[in-house]
Amino acid sequence: WEQVGIYALYSNFQLVYVGQTAGGGQRLGVRLRQHTNDYLKGRWDTFSWFGMSYVKKDGTLSEPPDVRNVKRKDILDIVEGILIAVSEPPLNRQSGRFGKNIALYLQMRDSRLDKSVGD
């Protein structure tokens, strides 16, 4: 919910929207909730996110990394990796080069969401 980064919305596994969360009141959860009530309502069914903080074992987020001394090549590798991950271009043979400190989280539907609808 509190993640800051880039997210992608999909409809039937097709990319339909890419956005970012800039922090403050614009965290991932807030933006996703907004998209359930704005012009994207009903036009997406899954999402991916690429956050600045990693999820700790207790479920809380780490502090965002210090990005003042990041090398241009590292930034380009991350941007390329995100673009490949969200668009899945058919002619790309390689996946993105995110580096060794990147964690992958697999999405799954939270059954608690189904119970809360209409309550």
Protein backbone atom coordinates (compact mmCIF):
# COMPACT_ATOMS: atom_id res chain seq x y z
CA TRP A 1 0.00 0.00 0.00
CA GLU A 2 2.76 2.44 0.95
CA GLN A 3 5.16 1.59 -1.90
CA VAL A 4 6.66 4.38 -4.03
CA GLY A 5 7.67 3.56 -7.60
CA ILE A 6 6.21 2.63 -10.98
CA TYR A 7 3.14 0.51 -11.62
CA ALA A 8 1.45 -1.01 -14.65
CA LEU A 9 -2.22 -1.91 -15.11
CA TYR A 10 -3.30 -4.79 -17.33
CA SER A 11 -6.57 -5.99 -18.79
CA ASN A 12 -6.62 -9.65 -19.76
CA PHE A 13 -2.79 -9.65 -19.65
CA GLN A 14 -2.55 -6.67 -22.02
CA LEU A 15 -0.77 -3.55 -20.79
CA VAL A 16 -3.27 -0.68 -20.62
CA TYR A 17 -1.69 1.94 -18.35
CA VAL A 18 1.63 2.87 -16.73
CA GLY A 19 1.94 5.33 -13.86
CA GLN A 20 4.10 6.33 -10.95
CA THR A 21 3.67 7.02 -7.28
CA ALA A 22 5.61 10.05 -6.20
CA GLY A 23 5.23 9.70 -2.44
CA GLY A 24 3.31 11.86 -0.04
CA GLY A 25 -0.36 11.09 -0.60
CA GLN A 26 0.37 9.34 -3.89
CA ARG A 27 1.45 5.91 -2.65
CA LEU A 28 0.69 2.72 -4.61
CA GLY A 29 -2.45 1.79 -2.70
CA VAL A 30 -3.93 5.26 -3.07
CA ARG A 31 -3.28 5.32 -6.82
CA LEU A 32 -4.78 1.85 -7.33
CA ARG A 33 -7.87 2.85 -5.36
CA GLN A 34 -8.18 6.03 -7.45
CA HIS A 35 -8.08 3.94 -10.63
CA THR A 36 -11.10 1.94 -9.41
CA ASN A 37 -13.14 5.17 -9.51
CA ASP A 38 -11.68 7.22 -12.37
CA TYR A 39 -11.78 6.78 -16.16
CA LEU A 40 -9.88 3.48 -15.78
CA LYS A 41 -12.65 1.96 -13.64
CA GLY A 42 -13.46 -1.53 -14.92
CA ARG A 43 -10.75 -1.32 -17.57
CA TRP A 44 -8.01 -3.24 -15.72
CA ASP A 45 -7.92 -6.46 -13.73
CA THR A 46 -4.30 -6.94 -12.59
CA PHE A 47 -1.26 -4.81 -11.86
CA SER A 48 2.50 -4.98 -11.43
CA TRP A 49 4.63 -2.65 -9.36
CA PHE A 50 8.30 -1.76 -9.25
CA GLY A 51 9.04 -0.12 -5.93
CA MET A 52 11.89 1.81 -4.38
CA SER A 53 11.68 -0.05 -1.07
CA TYR A 54 11.89 -3.77 -0.43
CA VAL A 55 9.36 -5.61 1.70
CA LYS A 56 10.87 -6.78 4.99
CA LYS A 57 10.01 -10.15 6.54
CA ASP A 58 7.52 -8.51 8.91
CA GLY A 59 5.65 -7.02 5.92
CA THR A 60 6.81 -3.44 6.44
CA LEU A 61 8.81 -1.50 3.87
CA SER A 62 12.46 -0.57 4.08
CA GLU A 63 13.55 3.01 3.73
CA PRO A 64 14.02 4.00 0.07
CA PRO A 65 17.67 3.79 -1.04
CA ASP A 66 19.91 6.82 -1.34
CA VAL A 67 19.95 7.49 -5.08
CA ARG A 68 22.34 10.42 -5.23
CA ASN A 69 25.33 8.35 -6.30
CA VAL A 70 23.72 5.95 -8.75
CA LYS A 71 25.61 5.29 -11.98
CA ARG A 72 23.95 6.08 -15.29
CA LYS A 73 24.40 2.47 -16.47
CA ASP A 74 22.60 1.17 -13.35
CA ILE A 75 19.68 3.55 -13.94
CA LEU A 76 19.44 2.52 -17.59
CA ASP A 77 19.53 -1.17 -16.65
CA ILE A 78 16.66 -0.67 -14.21
CA VAL A 79 14.57 1.39 -16.65
CA GLU A 80 15.18 -1.18 -19.39
CA GLY A 81 14.26 -4.00 -17.02
CA ILE A 82 10.99 -2.33 -16.05
CA LEU A 83 10.09 -1.66 -19.68
CA ILE A 84 10.80 -5.28 -20.65
CA ALA A 85 8.84 -6.60 -17.66
CA VAL A 86 5.71 -4.52 -18.28
CA SER A 87 5.59 -4.77 -22.07
CA GLU A 88 6.98 -8.29 -22.63
CA PRO A 89 8.22 -7.51 -26.16
CA PRO A 90 8.14 -10.71 -28.22
CA LEU A 91 11.58 -10.25 -29.79
CA ASN A 92 13.48 -9.66 -26.54
CA ARG A 93 15.46 -12.79 -25.68
CA GLN A 94 16.70 -11.49 -22.35
CA SER A 95 14.91 -10.23 -19.30
CA GLY A 96 15.89 -7.01 -17.60
CA ARG A 97 19.22 -6.54 -15.83
CA PHE A 98 17.97 -5.35 -12.46
CA GLY A 99 21.06 -6.29 -10.47
CA LYS A 100 21.60 -8.48 -7.45
CA ASN A 101 19.70 -6.38 -4.91
CA ILE A 102 16.32 -6.64 -6.63
CA ALA A 103 13.56 -8.78 -5.10
CA LEU A 104 10.75 -10.37 -7.08
CA TYR A 105 7.28 -10.58 -5.52
CA LEU A 106 4.61 -12.66 -7.24
CA GLN A 107 1.08 -11.30 -7.21
CA MET A 108 -1.82 -13.36 -6.09
CA ARG A 109 -5.41 -12.49 -5.41
CA ASP A 110 -6.20 -11.77 -1.79
CA SER A 111 -9.43 -13.62 -1.00
CA ARG A 112 -10.19 -11.05 1.69
CA LEU A 113 -10.99 -8.58 -1.10
CA ASP A 114 -13.87 -10.76 -2.30
CA LYS A 115 -15.42 -10.82 1.18
CA SER A 116 -15.27 -7.05 1.61
CA VAL A 117 -17.07 -6.21 -1.64
CA GLY A 118 -20.56 -4.99 -0.88
CA ASP A 119 -20.03 -4.89 2.91
